[in-house]
Every structure is written in structure tokens, then in C-alpha cells.
Amino acid sequence: MTKKHFYKQPLAVFIACFLAGILSFTTLGGWVSVQAKETKAPEFIKLEDAGKLNLLSNSKPFKPANLQQSEKPYPADRAVIGWDDRIPMISREYPWSTIGRVQGTTTDLKNYHCTGTLISENLVLTNAHCVIDPSTNQLSREIRFFPNLINGVVSNRRDIAVVERVIYGTDFTGNELSNQINDWAVMVIDKPLGRKYGYLGWQSLSTASFLKNQDKLFFVGYSGDFPDTRKKGYEFLSAGQGWTASYQAGCGIVQEKDGVLFHDCDTTGGSSGGALIGLIGGEPYIVALNNAELTDSRTRRGIINLAVKVDFLDRLFARN
């Protein structure tokens, strides 16, 4: 969704429409065709049972000593191309190294992808609907994490991780509001990739802080409509759409209602689970989790995107 075309009415009108139920709710996973060797299905664990896992994370970001850090998601000699707010994320440096593609297979053998972010040595943050099908309530039979995937390539194929366990916030059997605010999942992977790629911290911010810094966040996601290789300068991204993440700066949270965050970062299918990131004290922190789009049910046009608060991570790790 591109924010420029849809804000023709006050935001309050859209929120009122959302609460009245005349807008449709669309999650932002993306479906693709991928062949992968079958692995053991991950174990799914509810939040209240997560204490037995002894998960380790302290909400602080970590950069490996051998990784350079860059403020830009592309090499310094590349220019921003064209008018699209999104540009390719093609950096192997930190913190871009922490973000990857989540690749899943459903029980009926359909393949899909989302976005995930390392938050500890072996933990990846994404959406619940990236591991559980909201329409059938079925658990994914296989999930993998491709760290820092650029043009369909990771720096070392041995770093492609298998998800062994999933702690989830909702199985989508509740009401729509409950499902929305709990649409999160933390995946336990079989490799300590955070030691090599680093990981991000998180911080739960107040609504007032979000509104004061509406244009200070940035977003990275493996959107299914990006990149457009017909665009001059993008021809080298030959792996196709959804195989290179897009980056957008200068977006943010524009409203909160009943625990739901509304944001104006550009997203489409495949960007589910992507983190809205802010620099706090010069360090990158996840401050919200992208998960859905609101569209007008009459015109099918996108209006605004939704995000999940990250305070659930404090509750999760308080149990460990």
C-alpha cells in the first residue's frame, strides 16, 4: 500500500469505519512456490506455557564485533532510484543483517512467506498469522528462516534455519480485536544466528511518543510486489519479487485505538511480521510489529496499515 493515494478523509473517519466493521481486514503474508526438503514440524506453544522454554533475551540490541554498522540499507555508492518510497534493502551490514524472510508450508502443502527479525541468538519475531492460518486455524507444518536474504541469496546457505518451536499470541479463534492485538509469534530456530548476524532490541513506547515522532521510524519487509525489476536500476535483482526486502524511512505510527496501532509505512503481502524500527539512543529498537492492512470493502482500495504493540515481549520474557 502506498500512503499517498488514500488519505482523502480524516484519519478519525477511517478508525470509526474500522470499528463499525465496514472495512475489510487483510493480513500481509505472501504466497509463493518454493521447494524445500521436508523437516520435522515445529512445536507450537501458548504464551502461558512459554516459561518452560527458558528463553533468553534482554530487549537490548547486539552487533557482532566483526560486523560493520550502517545507517543505510544499501552501499554508499548507490542512489535512491525513482519516486517510490521503498528502496531495496541490499546491505549485509548491521542492523539490516538481522532481518530475514520467513518461509512456511501449510498443512495442505501451500507455500507462503513473511518477514522476521532476530531478537536473540536463536529467536525470530514475526506474526502469528505467519505460523497459523487464520482462516483454518491450522498450524504450519514447516517454517524456515532465511537471514539477510538479498536477491534470493543468503551469505551462507548453511545459515538457513529451521524453526523448531513457536510461541504464539493467538490461534485466531478469538474475536477480531483480540486476534489483531495478539497477532505475534516468537520462533525458536535451530541455529544461533544472532551471534553472526546480530539482533535487535525492542521497546514499548507510549502513544504520545509515537505521535511526536510520526516520521522517525523505518520499515523493512519482504513485500510480494517488490522489487519491480522493470524499473531502471533494479534489473540486477533477478530473483524476483519477495526475494529482496524493501526499506522505507520517514514513516510511523499515526494513531492508536483500543490497543491497535495504525501506521503509514508502505506494505503489501509478504511484509507481515516486519518490524517498525526506531533509533533510540542511536541504537535500533523494534517499536511495533506490522501485520495487516485496512481496505475499503466497497472499492477494495487500501487505506491504512495496522501494527501490534511489542509490550507482549516484556510479558513473554518475564516468564523465563
C-alpha atoms as a PDB file:
ATOM      1  CA  MET A   1       0.000   0.000   0.000  1.00  0.00           C
ATOM      2  CA  THR A   2       1.226   3.460  -0.822  1.00  0.00           C
ATOM      3  CA  LYS A   3       0.018   6.018   1.652  1.00  0.00           C
ATOM      4  CA  LYS A   4      -0.056   8.989  -0.753  1.00  0.00           C
ATOM      5  CA  HIS A   5      -3.211   7.930  -2.585  1.00  0.00           C
ATOM      6  CA  PHE A   6      -5.567   7.109   0.281  1.00  0.00           C
ATOM      7  CA  TYR A   7      -5.670   9.925   2.827  1.00  0.00           C
ATOM      8  CA  LYS A   8      -8.594  11.836   1.364  1.00  0.00           C
ATOM      9  CA  GLN A   9     -10.609  11.814   4.609  1.00  0.00           C
ATOM     10  CA  PRO A  10      -9.604  12.496   8.204  1.00  0.00           C
ATOM     11  CA  LEU A  11      -7.993   9.513   9.915  1.00  0.00           C
ATOM     12  CA  ALA A  12     -10.737   9.533  12.535  1.00  0.00           C
ATOM     13  CA  VAL A  13     -13.237   8.611   9.805  1.00  0.00           C
ATOM     14  CA  PHE A  14     -11.210   5.551   8.897  1.00  0.00           C
ATOM     15  CA  ILE A  15     -10.931   4.485  12.529  1.00  0.00           C
ATOM     16  CA  ALA A  16     -14.665   4.890  13.019  1.00  0.00           C
ATOM     17  CA  CYS A  17     -15.293   2.823   9.897  1.00  0.00           C
ATOM     18  CA  PHE A  18     -12.896   0.141  11.110  1.00  0.00           C
ATOM     19  CA  LEU A  19     -14.641  -0.134  14.442  1.00  0.00           C
ATOM     20  CA  ALA A  20     -18.026  -0.207  12.717  1.00  0.00           C
ATOM     21  CA  GLY A  21     -16.844  -3.162  10.641  1.00  0.00           C
ATOM     22  CA  ILE A  22     -17.358  -1.769   7.138  1.00  0.00           C
ATOM     23  CA  LEU A  23     -13.691  -2.098   6.265  1.00  0.00           C
ATOM     24  CA  SER A  24     -12.087  -5.400   5.429  1.00  0.00           C
ATOM     25  CA  PHE A  25      -9.080  -6.734   7.322  1.00  0.00           C
ATOM     26  CA  THR A  26      -6.282  -8.220   5.255  1.00  0.00           C
ATOM     27  CA  THR A  27      -3.207  -9.885   6.686  1.00  0.00           C
ATOM     28  CA  LEU A  28       0.001  -9.275   4.833  1.00  0.00           C
ATOM     29  CA  GLY A  29       1.556 -12.665   4.262  1.00  0.00           C
ATOM     30  CA  GLY A  30       2.643 -13.544   0.720  1.00  0.00           C
ATOM     31  CA  TRP A  31       2.194 -16.812  -1.171  1.00  0.00           C
ATOM     32  CA  VAL A  32       4.995 -18.221  -3.304  1.00  0.00           C
ATOM     33  CA  SER A  33       6.102 -21.524  -4.793  1.00  0.00           C
ATOM     34  CA  VAL A  34       9.212 -22.910  -3.127  1.00  0.00           C
ATOM     35  CA  GLN A  35      10.605 -26.424  -2.958  1.00  0.00           C
ATOM     36  CA  ALA A  36      12.302 -27.356   0.293  1.00  0.00           C
ATOM     37  CA  LYS A  37      13.383 -30.588   1.949  1.00  0.00           C
ATOM     38  CA  GLU A  38      10.749 -31.609   4.477  1.00  0.00           C
ATOM     39  CA  THR A  39      11.687 -31.252   8.125  1.00  0.00           C
ATOM     40  CA  LYS A  40      10.026 -32.063  11.416  1.00  0.00           C
ATOM     41  CA  ALA A  41       7.018 -29.862  12.165  1.00  0.00           C
ATOM     42  CA  PRO A  42       7.672 -27.165  14.806  1.00  0.00           C
ATOM     43  CA  GLU A  43       6.211 -27.460  18.287  1.00  0.00           C
ATOM     44  CA  PHE A  44       3.587 -24.790  18.990  1.00  0.00           C
ATOM     45  CA  ILE A  45       3.422 -23.329  22.494  1.00  0.00           C
ATOM     46  CA  LYS A  46       0.934 -20.905  24.039  1.00  0.00           C
ATOM     47  CA  LEU A  47       2.192 -17.816  25.882  1.00  0.00           C
ATOM     48  CA  GLU A  48       1.112 -19.189  29.259  1.00  0.00           C
ATOM     49  CA  ASP A  49       3.245 -22.302  28.713  1.00  0.00           C
ATOM     50  CA  ALA A  50       6.340 -20.486  27.419  1.00  0.00           C
ATOM     51  CA  GLY A  51       8.075 -20.367  30.818  1.00  0.00           C
ATOM     52  CA  LYS A  52       9.290 -23.947  30.455  1.00  0.00           C
ATOM     53  CA  LEU A  53      11.476 -22.985  27.477  1.00  0.00           C
ATOM     54  CA  ASN A  54      13.891 -20.747  29.415  1.00  0.00           C
ATOM     55  CA  LEU A  55      14.105 -18.274  26.547  1.00  0.00           C
ATOM     56  CA  LEU A  56      16.949 -15.795  26.748  1.00  0.00           C
ATOM     57  CA  SER A  57      16.693 -12.165  25.670  1.00  0.00           C
ATOM     58  CA  ASN A  58      17.102  -8.855  27.453  1.00  0.00           C
ATOM     59  CA  SER A  59      15.447  -6.415  24.991  1.00  0.00           C
ATOM     60  CA  LYS A  60      18.831  -4.881  24.085  1.00  0.00           C
ATOM     61  CA  PRO A  61      20.293  -4.839  20.561  1.00  0.00           C
ATOM     62  CA  PHE A  62      23.505  -6.721  19.786  1.00  0.00           C
ATOM     63  CA  LYS A  63      26.018  -6.126  16.975  1.00  0.00           C
ATOM     64  CA  PRO A  64      28.716  -8.777  16.411  1.00  0.00           C
ATOM     65  CA  ALA A  65      32.223  -7.347  16.634  1.00  0.00           C
ATOM     66  CA  ASN A  66      33.113  -8.431  13.092  1.00  0.00           C
ATOM     67  CA  LEU A  67      30.102  -6.717  11.505  1.00  0.00           C
ATOM     68  CA  GLN A  68      30.157  -3.137  10.314  1.00  0.00           C
ATOM     69  CA  GLN A  69      27.163  -0.935  11.120  1.00  0.00           C
ATOM     70  CA  SER A  70      25.468   1.203   8.512  1.00  0.00           C
ATOM     71  CA  GLU A  71      22.674   3.751   8.691  1.00  0.00           C
ATOM     72  CA  LYS A  72      21.664   2.968   5.126  1.00  0.00           C
ATOM     73  CA  PRO A  73      20.242  -0.315   3.761  1.00  0.00           C
ATOM     74  CA  TYR A  74      22.322  -0.048   0.600  1.00  0.00           C
ATOM     75  CA  PRO A  75      26.016   0.594  -0.190  1.00  0.00           C
ATOM     76  CA  ALA A  76      27.083   4.216  -0.023  1.00  0.00           C
ATOM     77  CA  ASP A  77      27.664   4.398  -3.769  1.00  0.00           C
ATOM     78  CA  ARG A  78      24.045   3.575  -4.627  1.00  0.00           C
ATOM     79  CA  ALA A  79      21.470   6.310  -5.062  1.00  0.00           C
ATOM     80  CA  VAL A  80      17.778   6.240  -4.258  1.00  0.00           C
ATOM     81  CA  ILE A  81      16.036   5.356  -7.507  1.00  0.00           C
ATOM     82  CA  GLY A  82      12.760   6.840  -8.697  1.00  0.00           C
ATOM     83  CA  TRP A  83       9.787   8.141  -6.728  1.00  0.00           C
ATOM     84  CA  ASP A  84       8.709   5.021  -4.786  1.00  0.00           C
ATOM     85  CA  ASP A  85       9.102   5.498  -1.031  1.00  0.00           C
ATOM     86  CA  ARG A  86      10.580   1.998  -0.851  1.00  0.00           C
ATOM     87  CA  ILE A  87      14.079   1.096  -1.948  1.00  0.00           C
ATOM     88  CA  PRO A  88      15.893  -2.267  -1.922  1.00  0.00           C
ATOM     89  CA  MET A  89      17.493  -3.448   1.303  1.00  0.00           C
ATOM     90  CA  ILE A  90      20.775  -4.821  -0.082  1.00  0.00           C
ATOM     91  CA  SER A  91      23.179  -4.336   2.819  1.00  0.00           C
ATOM     92  CA  ARG A  92      24.939  -7.165   4.662  1.00  0.00           C
ATOM     93  CA  GLU A  93      25.793  -4.786   7.490  1.00  0.00           C
ATOM     94  CA  TYR A  94      24.110  -4.369  10.862  1.00  0.00           C
ATOM     95  CA  PRO A  95      21.217  -3.821  11.641  1.00  0.00           C
ATOM     96  CA  TRP A  96      19.963  -4.915   8.183  1.00  0.00           C
ATOM     97  CA  SER A  97      21.631  -8.282   8.754  1.00  0.00           C
ATOM     98  CA  THR A  98      19.093  -9.090  11.484  1.00  0.00           C
ATOM     99  CA  ILE A  99      16.094  -9.134   9.126  1.00  0.00           C
ATOM    100  CA  GLY A 100      15.149 -12.122   7.005  1.00  0.00           C
ATOM    101  CA  ARG A 101      12.475 -13.965   5.096  1.00  0.00           C
ATOM    102  CA  VAL A 102      10.176 -16.428   6.877  1.00  0.00           C
ATOM    103  CA  GLN A 103       9.300 -19.311   4.560  1.00  0.00           C
ATOM    104  CA  GLY A 104       6.441 -21.616   5.550  1.00  0.00           C
ATOM    105  CA  THR A 105       4.398 -24.558   4.346  1.00  0.00           C
ATOM    106  CA  THR A 106       0.801 -25.135   5.432  1.00  0.00           C
ATOM    107  CA  THR A 107      -0.808 -28.464   6.294  1.00  0.00           C
ATOM    108  CA  ASP A 108      -2.261 -28.628   2.772  1.00  0.00           C
ATOM    109  CA  LEU A 109       1.195 -28.059   1.269  1.00  0.00           C
ATOM    110  CA  LYS A 110       0.754 -24.446   0.230  1.00  0.00           C
ATOM    111  CA  ASN A 111       3.872 -22.296   0.449  1.00  0.00           C
ATOM    112  CA  TYR A 112       3.910 -18.727   1.752  1.00  0.00           C
ATOM    113  CA  HIS A 113       6.350 -16.147   3.050  1.00  0.00           C
ATOM    114  CA  CYS A 114       6.518 -13.396   5.649  1.00  0.00           C
ATOM    115  CA  THR A 115       9.211 -11.272   7.282  1.00  0.00           C
ATOM    116  CA  GLY A 116      11.053 -11.931  10.544  1.00  0.00           C
ATOM    117  CA  THR A 117      13.663 -10.233  12.728  1.00  0.00           C
ATOM    118  CA  LEU A 118      16.267 -11.746  15.040  1.00  0.00           C
ATOM    119  CA  ILE A 119      15.728 -10.617  18.669  1.00  0.00           C
ATOM    120  CA  SER A 120      18.197 -13.012  20.315  1.00  0.00           C
ATOM    121  CA  GLU A 121      20.745 -15.647  19.335  1.00  0.00           C
ATOM    122  CA  ASN A 122      18.094 -18.152  18.280  1.00  0.00           C
ATOM    123  CA  LEU A 123      14.804 -16.223  18.368  1.00  0.00           C
ATOM    124  CA  VAL A 124      12.946 -14.629  15.442  1.00  0.00           C
ATOM    125  CA  LEU A 125       9.979 -12.276  15.814  1.00  0.00           C
ATOM    126  CA  THR A 126       7.099 -12.412  13.317  1.00  0.00           C
ATOM    127  CA  ASN A 127       3.268 -12.539  13.217  1.00  0.00           C
ATOM    128  CA  ALA A 128       1.047 -15.347  14.478  1.00  0.00           C
ATOM    129  CA  HIS A 129      -0.668 -15.458  11.090  1.00  0.00           C
ATOM    130  CA  CYS A 130       2.743 -16.295   9.610  1.00  0.00           C
ATOM    131  CA  VAL A 131       2.730 -19.600  11.511  1.00  0.00           C
ATOM    132  CA  ILE A 132      -1.020 -20.306  11.902  1.00  0.00           C
ATOM    133  CA  ASP A 133      -3.553 -19.998   9.087  1.00  0.00           C
ATOM    134  CA  PRO A 134      -6.221 -17.555  10.376  1.00  0.00           C
ATOM    135  CA  SER A 135      -8.893 -18.981   8.053  1.00  0.00           C
ATOM    136  CA  THR A 136      -8.472 -22.633   9.089  1.00  0.00           C
ATOM    137  CA  ASN A 137      -6.667 -22.318  12.466  1.00  0.00           C
ATOM    138  CA  GLN A 138      -4.219 -24.915  11.173  1.00  0.00           C
ATOM    139  CA  LEU A 139      -0.560 -24.802  12.251  1.00  0.00           C
ATOM    140  CA  SER A 140       2.180 -24.607   9.645  1.00  0.00           C
ATOM    141  CA  ARG A 141       3.867 -27.939   9.051  1.00  0.00           C
ATOM    142  CA  GLU A 142       7.257 -26.424   8.252  1.00  0.00           C
ATOM    143  CA  ILE A 143       8.877 -22.999   8.728  1.00  0.00           C
ATOM    144  CA  ARG A 144      12.359 -21.794   7.796  1.00  0.00           C
ATOM    145  CA  PHE A 145      14.204 -18.531   8.297  1.00  0.00           C
ATOM    146  CA  PHE A 146      16.459 -17.086   5.583  1.00  0.00           C
ATOM    147  CA  PRO A 147      18.642 -14.457   7.318  1.00  0.00           C
ATOM    148  CA  ASN A 148      19.528 -11.255   5.458  1.00  0.00           C
ATOM    149  CA  LEU A 149      18.154 -12.625   2.195  1.00  0.00           C
ATOM    150  CA  ILE A 150      19.140 -10.413  -0.744  1.00  0.00           C
ATOM    151  CA  ASN A 151      18.148 -11.244  -4.320  1.00  0.00           C
ATOM    152  CA  GLY A 152      17.260 -14.759  -3.165  1.00  0.00           C
ATOM    153  CA  VAL A 153      20.691 -15.339  -1.621  1.00  0.00           C
ATOM    154  CA  VAL A 154      21.920 -15.634   1.963  1.00  0.00           C
ATOM    155  CA  SER A 155      25.605 -15.128   2.718  1.00  0.00           C
ATOM    156  CA  ASN A 156      25.934 -18.835   3.554  1.00  0.00           C
ATOM    157  CA  ARG A 157      23.276 -21.428   2.720  1.00  0.00           C
ATOM    158  CA  ARG A 158      24.159 -23.332   5.887  1.00  0.00           C
ATOM    159  CA  ASP A 159      22.686 -20.395   7.791  1.00  0.00           C
ATOM    160  CA  ILE A 160      19.143 -21.151   6.582  1.00  0.00           C
ATOM    161  CA  ALA A 161      17.473 -22.105   9.844  1.00  0.00           C
ATOM    162  CA  VAL A 162      14.650 -24.498  10.645  1.00  0.00           C
ATOM    163  CA  VAL A 163      12.039 -23.347  13.157  1.00  0.00           C
ATOM    164  CA  GLU A 164      11.815 -25.873  15.981  1.00  0.00           C
ATOM    165  CA  ARG A 165       9.309 -24.192  18.301  1.00  0.00           C
ATOM    166  CA  VAL A 166       6.799 -21.362  18.062  1.00  0.00           C
ATOM    167  CA  ILE A 167       5.348 -19.313  20.912  1.00  0.00           C
ATOM    168  CA  TYR A 168       2.213 -17.571  19.651  1.00  0.00           C
ATOM    169  CA  GLY A 169      -0.151 -14.890  20.872  1.00  0.00           C
ATOM    170  CA  THR A 170      -3.339 -16.079  19.146  1.00  0.00           C
ATOM    171  CA  ASP A 171      -4.630 -19.093  17.236  1.00  0.00           C
ATOM    172  CA  PHE A 172      -7.343 -16.886  15.651  1.00  0.00           C
ATOM    173  CA  THR A 173     -10.243 -18.478  17.491  1.00  0.00           C
ATOM    174  CA  GLY A 174     -10.988 -15.246  19.391  1.00  0.00           C
ATOM    175  CA  ASN A 175     -12.773 -12.106  18.227  1.00  0.00           C
ATOM    176  CA  GLU A 176     -11.274  -9.831  15.585  1.00  0.00           C
ATOM    177  CA  LEU A 177      -9.884  -7.262  18.017  1.00  0.00           C
ATOM    178  CA  SER A 178      -8.268  -9.922  20.222  1.00  0.00           C
ATOM    179  CA  ASN A 179      -6.749 -11.613  17.190  1.00  0.00           C
ATOM    180  CA  GLN A 180      -5.360  -8.281  15.964  1.00  0.00           C
ATOM    181  CA  ILE A 181      -3.635  -7.172  19.158  1.00  0.00           C
ATOM    182  CA  ASN A 182      -2.206 -10.666  19.764  1.00  0.00           C
ATOM    183  CA  ASP A 183      -1.028 -11.351  16.213  1.00  0.00           C
ATOM    184  CA  TRP A 184       2.568 -12.103  17.159  1.00  0.00           C
ATOM    185  CA  ALA A 185       4.857 -15.111  17.300  1.00  0.00           C
ATOM    186  CA  VAL A 186       8.383 -15.779  18.517  1.00  0.00           C
ATOM    187  CA  MET A 187      10.114 -18.617  16.663  1.00  0.00           C
ATOM    188  CA  VAL A 188      12.913 -20.710  18.145  1.00  0.00           C
ATOM    189  CA  ILE A 189      15.342 -21.652  15.349  1.00  0.00           C
ATOM    190  CA  ASP A 190      17.902 -24.458  15.257  1.00  0.00           C
ATOM    191  CA  LYS A 191      20.942 -22.210  14.815  1.00  0.00           C
ATOM    192  CA  PRO A 192      22.306 -19.347  16.981  1.00  0.00           C
ATOM    193  CA  LEU A 193      22.250 -16.946  14.031  1.00  0.00           C
ATOM    194  CA  GLY A 194      22.163 -13.883  16.274  1.00  0.00           C
ATOM    195  CA  ARG A 195      25.823 -14.437  17.122  1.00  0.00           C
ATOM    196  CA  LYS A 196      26.729 -13.959  13.449  1.00  0.00           C
ATOM    197  CA  TYR A 197      24.033 -11.575  12.179  1.00  0.00           C
ATOM    198  CA  GLY A 198      23.271  -9.669  15.377  1.00  0.00           C
ATOM    199  CA  TYR A 199      19.806  -8.955  16.701  1.00  0.00           C
ATOM    200  CA  LEU A 200      17.579  -6.020  17.548  1.00  0.00           C
ATOM    201  CA  GLY A 201      16.232  -4.898  20.879  1.00  0.00           C
ATOM    202  CA  TRP A 202      12.675  -3.795  21.485  1.00  0.00           C
ATOM    203  CA  GLN A 203      10.998  -1.015  23.395  1.00  0.00           C
ATOM    204  CA  SER A 204       7.326  -0.371  24.026  1.00  0.00           C
ATOM    205  CA  LEU A 205       6.589   3.320  23.509  1.00  0.00           C
ATOM    206  CA  SER A 206       3.636   5.424  24.576  1.00  0.00           C
ATOM    207  CA  THR A 207       1.110   6.747  22.084  1.00  0.00           C
ATOM    208  CA  ALA A 208       2.296  10.278  22.820  1.00  0.00           C
ATOM    209  CA  SER A 209       5.854   9.300  21.925  1.00  0.00           C
ATOM    210  CA  PHE A 210       4.706   7.712  18.671  1.00  0.00           C
ATOM    211  CA  LEU A 211       2.709  10.773  17.657  1.00  0.00           C
ATOM    212  CA  LYS A 212       5.602  13.084  18.497  1.00  0.00           C
ATOM    213  CA  ASN A 213       7.844  11.065  16.179  1.00  0.00           C
ATOM    214  CA  GLN A 214       5.452  10.087  13.400  1.00  0.00           C
ATOM    215  CA  ASP A 215       8.028  10.342  10.642  1.00  0.00           C
ATOM    216  CA  LYS A 216      11.033   8.975  12.536  1.00  0.00           C
ATOM    217  CA  LEU A 217      10.590   5.216  12.069  1.00  0.00           C
ATOM    218  CA  PHE A 218      11.734   2.932   9.279  1.00  0.00           C
ATOM    219  CA  PHE A 219      10.363  -0.342   7.993  1.00  0.00           C
ATOM    220  CA  VAL A 220      11.820  -3.376   6.207  1.00  0.00           C
ATOM    221  CA  GLY A 221       9.712  -6.172   4.727  1.00  0.00           C
ATOM    222  CA  TYR A 222       9.766  -8.821   2.010  1.00  0.00           C
ATOM    223  CA  SER A 223       6.781  -7.377   0.162  1.00  0.00           C
ATOM    224  CA  GLY A 224       5.423  -9.586  -2.603  1.00  0.00           C
ATOM    225  CA  ASP A 225       5.220  -6.686  -5.069  1.00  0.00           C
ATOM    226  CA  PHE A 226       8.825  -5.566  -4.617  1.00  0.00           C
ATOM    227  CA  PRO A 227      11.154  -5.005  -6.379  1.00  0.00           C
ATOM    228  CA  ASP A 228       9.827  -4.074  -9.788  1.00  0.00           C
ATOM    229  CA  THR A 229      12.685  -5.255 -11.999  1.00  0.00           C
ATOM    230  CA  ARG A 230      11.297  -3.227 -14.898  1.00  0.00           C
ATOM    231  CA  LYS A 231      12.432  -0.150 -13.032  1.00  0.00           C
ATOM    232  CA  LYS A 232      15.724   1.322 -14.147  1.00  0.00           C
ATOM    233  CA  GLY A 233      18.470   0.336 -11.736  1.00  0.00           C
ATOM    234  CA  TYR A 234      16.588  -2.661 -10.315  1.00  0.00           C
ATOM    235  CA  GLU A 235      17.368  -5.089 -13.144  1.00  0.00           C
ATOM    236  CA  PHE A 236      20.098  -6.829 -11.131  1.00  0.00           C
ATOM    237  CA  LEU A 237      17.516  -8.041  -8.583  1.00  0.00           C
ATOM    238  CA  SER A 238      16.785 -11.002 -10.815  1.00  0.00           C
ATOM    239  CA  ALA A 239      15.435 -13.383  -8.147  1.00  0.00           C
ATOM    240  CA  GLY A 240      12.066 -11.664  -8.458  1.00  0.00           C
ATOM    241  CA  GLN A 241       9.553 -10.059  -6.150  1.00  0.00           C
ATOM    242  CA  GLY A 242       9.574 -11.012  -2.500  1.00  0.00           C
ATOM    243  CA  TRP A 243      13.194 -12.197  -2.608  1.00  0.00           C
ATOM    244  CA  THR A 244      14.724  -8.836  -1.689  1.00  0.00           C
ATOM    245  CA  ALA A 245      13.362  -6.756   1.166  1.00  0.00           C
ATOM    246  CA  SER A 246      12.134  -3.217   0.698  1.00  0.00           C
ATOM    247  CA  TYR A 247      13.091  -0.367   3.004  1.00  0.00           C
ATOM    248  CA  GLN A 248      11.183   2.803   3.792  1.00  0.00           C
ATOM    249  CA  ALA A 249      12.230   5.635   6.062  1.00  0.00           C
ATOM    250  CA  GLY A 250      10.202   8.540   7.391  1.00  0.00           C
ATOM    251  CA  CYS A 251       7.035   6.673   8.337  1.00  0.00           C
ATOM    252  CA  GLY A 252       5.466   5.912  11.695  1.00  0.00           C
ATOM    253  CA  ILE A 253       2.517   5.278  13.982  1.00  0.00           C
ATOM    254  CA  VAL A 254      -0.242   7.797  13.300  1.00  0.00           C
ATOM    255  CA  GLN A 255      -2.916   6.666  15.768  1.00  0.00           C
ATOM    256  CA  GLU A 256      -3.831   4.141  18.437  1.00  0.00           C
ATOM    257  CA  LYS A 257      -7.356   2.903  19.141  1.00  0.00           C
ATOM    258  CA  ASP A 258      -8.381   0.115  21.548  1.00  0.00           C
ATOM    259  CA  GLY A 259      -4.817  -1.181  21.644  1.00  0.00           C
ATOM    260  CA  VAL A 260      -4.493  -1.239  17.845  1.00  0.00           C
ATOM    261  CA  LEU A 261      -1.683   0.756  16.245  1.00  0.00           C
ATOM    262  CA  PHE A 262      -2.235   2.415  12.861  1.00  0.00           C
ATOM    263  CA  HIS A 263       0.811   3.150  10.696  1.00  0.00           C
ATOM    264  CA  ASP A 264       1.600   4.678   7.312  1.00  0.00           C
ATOM    265  CA  CYS A 265       4.634   2.646   6.233  1.00  0.00           C
ATOM    266  CA  ASP A 266       4.303   1.156   2.740  1.00  0.00           C
ATOM    267  CA  THR A 267       3.477  -2.561   2.898  1.00  0.00           C
ATOM    268  CA  THR A 268       1.972  -5.362   0.822  1.00  0.00           C
ATOM    269  CA  GLY A 269       1.658  -9.140   1.116  1.00  0.00           C
ATOM    270  CA  GLY A 270       4.868 -10.739   2.392  1.00  0.00           C
ATOM    271  CA  SER A 271       5.745  -7.865   4.718  1.00  0.00           C
ATOM    272  CA  SER A 272       3.756  -9.383   7.595  1.00  0.00           C
ATOM    273  CA  GLY A 273       5.953  -9.790  10.637  1.00  0.00           C
ATOM    274  CA  GLY A 274       8.220  -6.939   9.591  1.00  0.00           C
ATOM    275  CA  ALA A 275       9.384  -4.654  12.368  1.00  0.00           C
ATOM    276  CA  LEU A 276       8.801  -0.921  12.605  1.00  0.00           C
ATOM    277  CA  ILE A 277      12.172   0.237  13.887  1.00  0.00           C
ATOM    278  CA  GLY A 278      13.298   3.389  15.642  1.00  0.00           C
ATOM    279  CA  LEU A 279      16.703   4.642  16.719  1.00  0.00           C
ATOM    280  CA  ILE A 280      16.746   5.153  20.478  1.00  0.00           C
ATOM    281  CA  GLY A 281      19.990   6.480  21.867  1.00  0.00           C
ATOM    282  CA  GLY A 282      21.497   5.758  18.458  1.00  0.00           C
ATOM    283  CA  GLU A 283      20.638   2.051  18.691  1.00  0.00           C
ATOM    284  CA  PRO A 284      17.984   0.191  16.632  1.00  0.00           C
ATOM    285  CA  TYR A 285      14.903  -0.979  18.527  1.00  0.00           C
ATOM    286  CA  ILE A 286      11.721  -2.675  17.371  1.00  0.00           C
ATOM    287  CA  VAL A 287       8.822  -0.490  18.490  1.00  0.00           C
ATOM    288  CA  ALA A 288       5.896  -2.137  16.661  1.00  0.00           C
ATOM    289  CA  LEU A 289       5.117  -5.181  14.512  1.00  0.00           C
ATOM    290  CA  ASN A 290       3.425  -4.749  11.123  1.00  0.00           C
ATOM    291  CA  ASN A 291       0.613  -7.224  10.490  1.00  0.00           C
ATOM    292  CA  ALA A 292      -2.346  -6.095   8.367  1.00  0.00           C
ATOM    293  CA  GLU A 293      -3.957  -3.606   6.036  1.00  0.00           C
ATOM    294  CA  LEU A 294      -7.365  -1.952   6.156  1.00  0.00           C
ATOM    295  CA  THR A 295      -9.145  -1.728   2.832  1.00  0.00           C
ATOM    296  CA  ASP A 296     -12.467  -0.221   1.867  1.00  0.00           C
ATOM    297  CA  SER A 297     -14.842  -3.156   1.290  1.00  0.00           C
ATOM    298  CA  ARG A 298     -16.639  -1.250  -1.472  1.00  0.00           C
ATOM    299  CA  THR A 299     -13.676  -0.068  -3.527  1.00  0.00           C
ATOM    300  CA  ARG A 300     -11.079  -2.637  -2.312  1.00  0.00           C
ATOM    301  CA  ARG A 301      -8.573   0.185  -2.047  1.00  0.00           C
ATOM    302  CA  GLY A 302      -6.108   0.265   0.784  1.00  0.00           C
ATOM    303  CA  ILE A 303      -6.492   2.899   3.454  1.00  0.00           C
ATOM    304  CA  ILE A 304      -4.011   2.353   6.261  1.00  0.00           C
ATOM    305  CA  ASN A 305      -1.909  -0.389   7.866  1.00  0.00           C
ATOM    306  CA  LEU A 306      -2.116  -1.972  11.290  1.00  0.00           C
ATOM    307  CA  ALA A 307       0.586  -2.951  13.757  1.00  0.00           C
ATOM    308  CA  VAL A 308       0.898  -4.847  17.015  1.00  0.00           C
ATOM    309  CA  LYS A 309       2.351  -3.352  20.184  1.00  0.00           C
ATOM    310  CA  VAL A 310       5.555  -5.028  21.381  1.00  0.00           C
ATOM    311  CA  ASP A 311       4.841  -4.973  25.113  1.00  0.00           C
ATOM    312  CA  PHE A 312       3.978  -8.682  24.833  1.00  0.00           C
ATOM    313  CA  LEU A 313       7.718  -9.363  24.610  1.00  0.00           C
ATOM    314  CA  ASP A 314       8.190  -7.974  28.121  1.00  0.00           C
ATOM    315  CA  ARG A 315       5.454 -10.320  29.363  1.00  0.00           C
ATOM    316  CA  LEU A 316       6.922 -13.260  27.477  1.00  0.00           C
ATOM    317  CA  PHE A 317      10.443 -12.912  28.844  1.00  0.00           C
ATOM    318  CA  ALA A 318       9.200 -12.125  32.341  1.00  0.00           C
ATOM    319  CA  ARG A 319       8.058 -15.762  32.373  1.00  0.00           C
ATOM    320  CA  ASN A 320      11.590 -17.016  31.713  1.00  0.00           C
END
